[in-house]
Amino acid sequence: MMSLLERMEEHIKLLHSKMNYKDGTDIVLILFFASDKMICMVNMFPEVFFMDVTCSMNCQNKLLFLMVLKYANGEAHIGNISV
């Protein structure tokens, strides 16, 4: 039985071959983006967190994760974007 690490390595190798990358080419699997303002908003104890993932956003079928914060006064701010 394959361990989680071995399965991840196999998945990355398959991704390399599907994307026609040369052997040894490094790829970014996920990128998290949070500005100083976003981090500040998350730390200010908002009333509600909304989190959503959309599937197959590009030709690589990668997910887009978005966290939005909603305050009691109705304002909404982006807390995190992950692609």
N, C-alpha and C. Protein backbone atom coordinates (compact mmCIF):
# COMPACT_ATOMS: atom_id res chain seq x y z
N MET A 1 0.84 -1.18 0.00
CA MET A 1 0.00 0.00 0.00
C MET A 1 0.89 1.25 0.00
N MET A 2 0.55 2.21 -0.84
CA MET A 2 1.35 3.43 -0.97
C MET A 2 1.03 4.41 0.15
N SER A 3 2.07 5.06 0.65
CA SER A 3 1.87 6.10 1.66
C SER A 3 1.35 7.37 0.98
N LEU A 4 0.90 8.31 1.79
CA LEU A 4 0.40 9.57 1.27
C LEU A 4 1.49 10.30 0.48
N LEU A 5 2.70 10.31 0.99
CA LEU A 5 3.80 10.97 0.30
C LEU A 5 4.07 10.32 -1.06
N GLU A 6 4.04 9.00 -1.11
CA GLU A 6 4.27 8.30 -2.38
C GLU A 6 3.15 8.61 -3.38
N ARG A 7 1.92 8.68 -2.90
CA ARG A 7 0.80 9.02 -3.79
C ARG A 7 0.93 10.45 -4.31
N MET A 8 1.37 11.37 -3.45
CA MET A 8 1.57 12.75 -3.89
C MET A 8 2.67 12.83 -4.94
N GLU A 9 3.75 12.10 -4.73
CA GLU A 9 4.85 12.09 -5.70
C GLU A 9 4.37 11.53 -7.04
N GLU A 10 3.57 10.49 -7.01
CA GLU A 10 3.02 9.91 -8.25
C GLU A 10 2.10 10.92 -8.95
N HIS A 11 1.29 11.62 -8.16
CA HIS A 11 0.39 12.62 -8.72
C HIS A 11 1.19 13.75 -9.38
N ILE A 12 2.26 14.18 -8.75
CA ILE A 12 3.09 15.24 -9.31
C ILE A 12 3.77 14.77 -10.60
N LYS A 13 4.25 13.54 -10.62
CA LYS A 13 4.85 12.98 -11.85
C LYS A 13 3.82 12.94 -12.98
N LEU A 14 2.60 12.53 -12.66
CA LEU A 14 1.54 12.49 -13.66
C LEU A 14 1.22 13.90 -14.17
N LEU A 15 1.19 14.87 -13.25
CA LEU A 15 0.95 16.25 -13.62
C LEU A 15 2.05 16.77 -14.55
N HIS A 16 3.29 16.44 -14.25
CA HIS A 16 4.42 16.82 -15.11
C HIS A 16 4.23 16.27 -16.52
N SER A 17 3.85 15.01 -16.62
CA SER A 17 3.70 14.42 -17.94
C SER A 17 2.50 15.02 -18.69
N LYS A 18 1.40 15.28 -17.99
CA LYS A 18 0.23 15.88 -18.64
C LYS A 18 0.53 17.29 -19.13
N MET A 19 1.35 18.03 -18.39
CA MET A 19 1.66 19.41 -18.76
C MET A 19 2.85 19.50 -19.72
N ASN A 20 3.42 18.33 -20.08
CA ASN A 20 4.57 18.27 -20.99
C ASN A 20 5.79 19.02 -20.46
N TYR A 21 5.99 18.98 -19.13
CA TYR A 21 7.19 19.57 -18.54
C TYR A 21 8.36 18.61 -18.69
N LYS A 22 9.56 19.16 -18.79
CA LYS A 22 10.76 18.34 -18.84
C LYS A 22 11.03 17.78 -17.44
N ASP A 23 11.72 16.66 -17.36
CA ASP A 23 12.09 16.09 -16.06
C ASP A 23 12.92 17.10 -15.28
N GLY A 24 12.65 17.22 -14.00
CA GLY A 24 13.39 18.14 -13.15
C GLY A 24 12.79 19.53 -13.05
N THR A 25 11.73 19.80 -13.83
CA THR A 25 11.07 21.11 -13.77
C THR A 25 10.23 21.20 -12.50
N ASP A 26 10.43 22.26 -11.73
CA ASP A 26 9.65 22.47 -10.52
C ASP A 26 8.36 23.20 -10.87
N ILE A 27 7.29 22.86 -10.16
CA ILE A 27 6.00 23.54 -10.36
C ILE A 27 5.44 23.95 -9.01
N VAL A 28 4.65 25.01 -9.02
CA VAL A 28 3.97 25.47 -7.80
C VAL A 28 2.64 24.74 -7.72
N LEU A 29 2.39 24.06 -6.61
CA LEU A 29 1.15 23.32 -6.45
C LEU A 29 0.02 24.18 -5.94
N ILE A 30 0.32 25.13 -5.06
CA ILE A 30 -0.71 26.03 -4.55
C ILE A 30 -0.04 27.33 -4.15
N LEU A 31 -0.74 28.41 -4.33
CA LEU A 31 -0.23 29.73 -3.98
C LEU A 31 -1.26 30.42 -3.10
N PHE A 32 -0.85 30.82 -1.90
CA PHE A 32 -1.72 31.53 -0.98
C PHE A 32 -1.38 33.01 -1.06
N PHE A 33 -2.39 33.85 -1.11
CA PHE A 33 -2.18 35.29 -1.16
C PHE A 33 -2.98 35.95 -0.05
N ALA A 34 -2.29 36.69 0.79
CA ALA A 34 -2.97 37.48 1.82
C ALA A 34 -2.13 38.73 2.07
N SER A 35 -2.68 39.88 1.77
CA SER A 35 -1.97 41.14 2.00
C SER A 35 -2.00 41.47 3.50
N ASP A 36 -1.25 42.48 3.89
CA ASP A 36 -1.26 42.91 5.29
C ASP A 36 -2.67 43.33 5.71
N LYS A 37 -3.39 43.99 4.80
CA LYS A 37 -4.75 44.42 5.12
C LYS A 37 -5.66 43.21 5.32
N MET A 38 -5.50 42.17 4.48
CA MET A 38 -6.31 40.96 4.62
C MET A 38 -6.05 40.29 5.96
N ILE A 39 -4.80 40.17 6.33
CA ILE A 39 -4.44 39.54 7.61
C ILE A 39 -5.02 40.34 8.77
N CYS A 40 -4.94 41.66 8.68
CA CYS A 40 -5.50 42.52 9.72
C CYS A 40 -7.00 42.29 9.86
N MET A 41 -7.70 42.21 8.72
CA MET A 41 -9.15 42.00 8.75
C MET A 41 -9.51 40.67 9.41
N VAL A 42 -8.75 39.62 9.11
CA VAL A 42 -9.02 38.30 9.72
C VAL A 42 -8.82 38.36 11.22
N ASN A 43 -7.79 39.09 11.66
CA ASN A 43 -7.46 39.16 13.09
C ASN A 43 -8.38 40.07 13.89
N MET A 44 -9.24 40.82 13.24
CA MET A 44 -10.13 41.74 13.96
C MET A 44 -11.43 41.06 14.39
N PHE A 45 -11.45 39.73 14.40
CA PHE A 45 -12.60 38.96 14.86
C PHE A 45 -13.89 39.31 14.14
N PRO A 46 -13.96 39.01 12.85
CA PRO A 46 -15.19 39.30 12.10
C PRO A 46 -16.35 38.42 12.59
N GLU A 47 -17.53 38.84 12.26
CA GLU A 47 -18.73 38.12 12.67
C GLU A 47 -18.89 36.79 11.92
N VAL A 48 -18.61 36.79 10.62
CA VAL A 48 -18.86 35.61 9.80
C VAL A 48 -17.72 35.40 8.81
N PHE A 49 -17.28 34.15 8.63
CA PHE A 49 -16.33 33.76 7.59
C PHE A 49 -17.11 33.01 6.51
N PHE A 50 -16.97 33.40 5.27
CA PHE A 50 -17.51 32.65 4.15
C PHE A 50 -16.32 32.04 3.41
N MET A 51 -16.34 30.75 3.17
CA MET A 51 -15.27 30.09 2.43
C MET A 51 -15.88 29.28 1.31
N ASP A 52 -15.25 29.36 0.13
CA ASP A 52 -15.78 28.64 -1.02
C ASP A 52 -14.62 28.19 -1.90
N VAL A 53 -14.80 27.06 -2.53
CA VAL A 53 -13.83 26.55 -3.49
C VAL A 53 -14.55 26.32 -4.81
N THR A 54 -14.01 26.88 -5.88
CA THR A 54 -14.55 26.62 -7.20
C THR A 54 -13.62 25.66 -7.92
N CYS A 55 -14.17 24.74 -8.66
CA CYS A 55 -13.39 23.69 -9.31
C CYS A 55 -13.07 24.04 -10.76
N SER A 56 -11.96 23.49 -11.23
CA SER A 56 -11.57 23.55 -12.65
C SER A 56 -11.57 24.98 -13.19
N MET A 57 -10.82 25.84 -12.53
CA MET A 57 -10.78 27.24 -12.94
C MET A 57 -9.88 27.51 -14.14
N ASN A 58 -9.03 26.56 -14.49
CA ASN A 58 -8.13 26.78 -15.61
C ASN A 58 -7.86 25.46 -16.32
N CYS A 59 -6.98 25.48 -17.30
CA CYS A 59 -6.73 24.26 -18.08
C CYS A 59 -6.07 23.17 -17.26
N GLN A 60 -5.54 23.51 -16.09
CA GLN A 60 -4.92 22.50 -15.21
C GLN A 60 -5.91 21.95 -14.21
N ASN A 61 -7.16 22.37 -14.29
CA ASN A 61 -8.23 21.93 -13.38
C ASN A 61 -7.90 22.20 -11.92
N LYS A 62 -7.25 23.33 -11.66
CA LYS A 62 -6.91 23.71 -10.29
C LYS A 62 -8.08 24.40 -9.61
N LEU A 63 -8.08 24.36 -8.30
CA LEU A 63 -9.14 24.96 -7.49
C LEU A 63 -8.80 26.42 -7.18
N LEU A 64 -9.82 27.22 -6.95
CA LEU A 64 -9.67 28.58 -6.46
C LEU A 64 -10.40 28.64 -5.12
N PHE A 65 -9.64 28.93 -4.06
CA PHE A 65 -10.21 29.03 -2.71
C PHE A 65 -10.30 30.50 -2.35
N LEU A 66 -11.44 30.93 -1.84
CA LEU A 66 -11.65 32.32 -1.47
C LEU A 66 -12.30 32.38 -0.10
N MET A 67 -11.73 33.20 0.80
CA MET A 67 -12.32 33.42 2.11
C MET A 67 -12.74 34.88 2.19
N VAL A 68 -14.01 35.11 2.50
CA VAL A 68 -14.56 36.45 2.61
C VAL A 68 -15.06 36.64 4.04
N LEU A 69 -14.83 37.82 4.61
CA LEU A 69 -15.24 38.14 5.97
C LEU A 69 -16.42 39.10 5.91
N LYS A 70 -17.42 38.86 6.73
CA LYS A 70 -18.57 39.77 6.80
C LYS A 70 -18.70 40.28 8.23
N TYR A 71 -18.80 41.59 8.35
CA TYR A 71 -18.91 42.22 9.65
C TYR A 71 -20.38 42.47 10.00
N ALA A 72 -20.64 42.78 11.25
CA ALA A 72 -22.00 43.01 11.72
C ALA A 72 -22.66 44.18 11.00
N ASN A 73 -21.87 45.14 10.53
CA ASN A 73 -22.43 46.30 9.83
C ASN A 73 -22.71 46.02 8.35
N GLY A 74 -22.46 44.78 7.90
CA GLY A 74 -22.76 44.38 6.53
C GLY A 74 -21.58 44.49 5.57
N GLU A 75 -20.46 45.08 5.99
CA GLU A 75 -19.29 45.18 5.13
C GLU A 75 -18.67 43.81 4.91
N ALA A 76 -18.11 43.60 3.74
CA ALA A 76 -17.44 42.35 3.42
C ALA A 76 -16.03 42.66 2.91
N HIS A 77 -15.08 41.83 3.30
CA HIS A 77 -13.68 42.00 2.90
C HIS A 77 -13.09 40.64 2.56
N ILE A 78 -12.18 40.60 1.59
CA ILE A 78 -11.50 39.37 1.25
C ILE A 78 -10.45 39.08 2.30
N GLY A 79 -10.43 37.85 2.81
CA GLY A 79 -9.48 37.46 3.84
C GLY A 79 -8.33 36.63 3.30
N ASN A 80 -8.55 35.86 2.23
CA ASN A 80 -7.50 35.01 1.68
C ASN A 80 -7.93 34.55 0.29
N ILE A 81 -6.95 34.45 -0.60
CA ILE A 81 -7.15 33.89 -1.93
C ILE A 81 -6.09 32.83 -2.13
N SER A 82 -6.49 31.64 -2.54
CA SER A 82 -5.54 30.56 -2.80
C SER A 82 -5.82 29.98 -4.18
N VAL A 83 -4.77 29.88 -4.98
CA VAL A 83 -4.90 29.30 -6.32
C VAL A 83 -3.87 28.21 -6.51
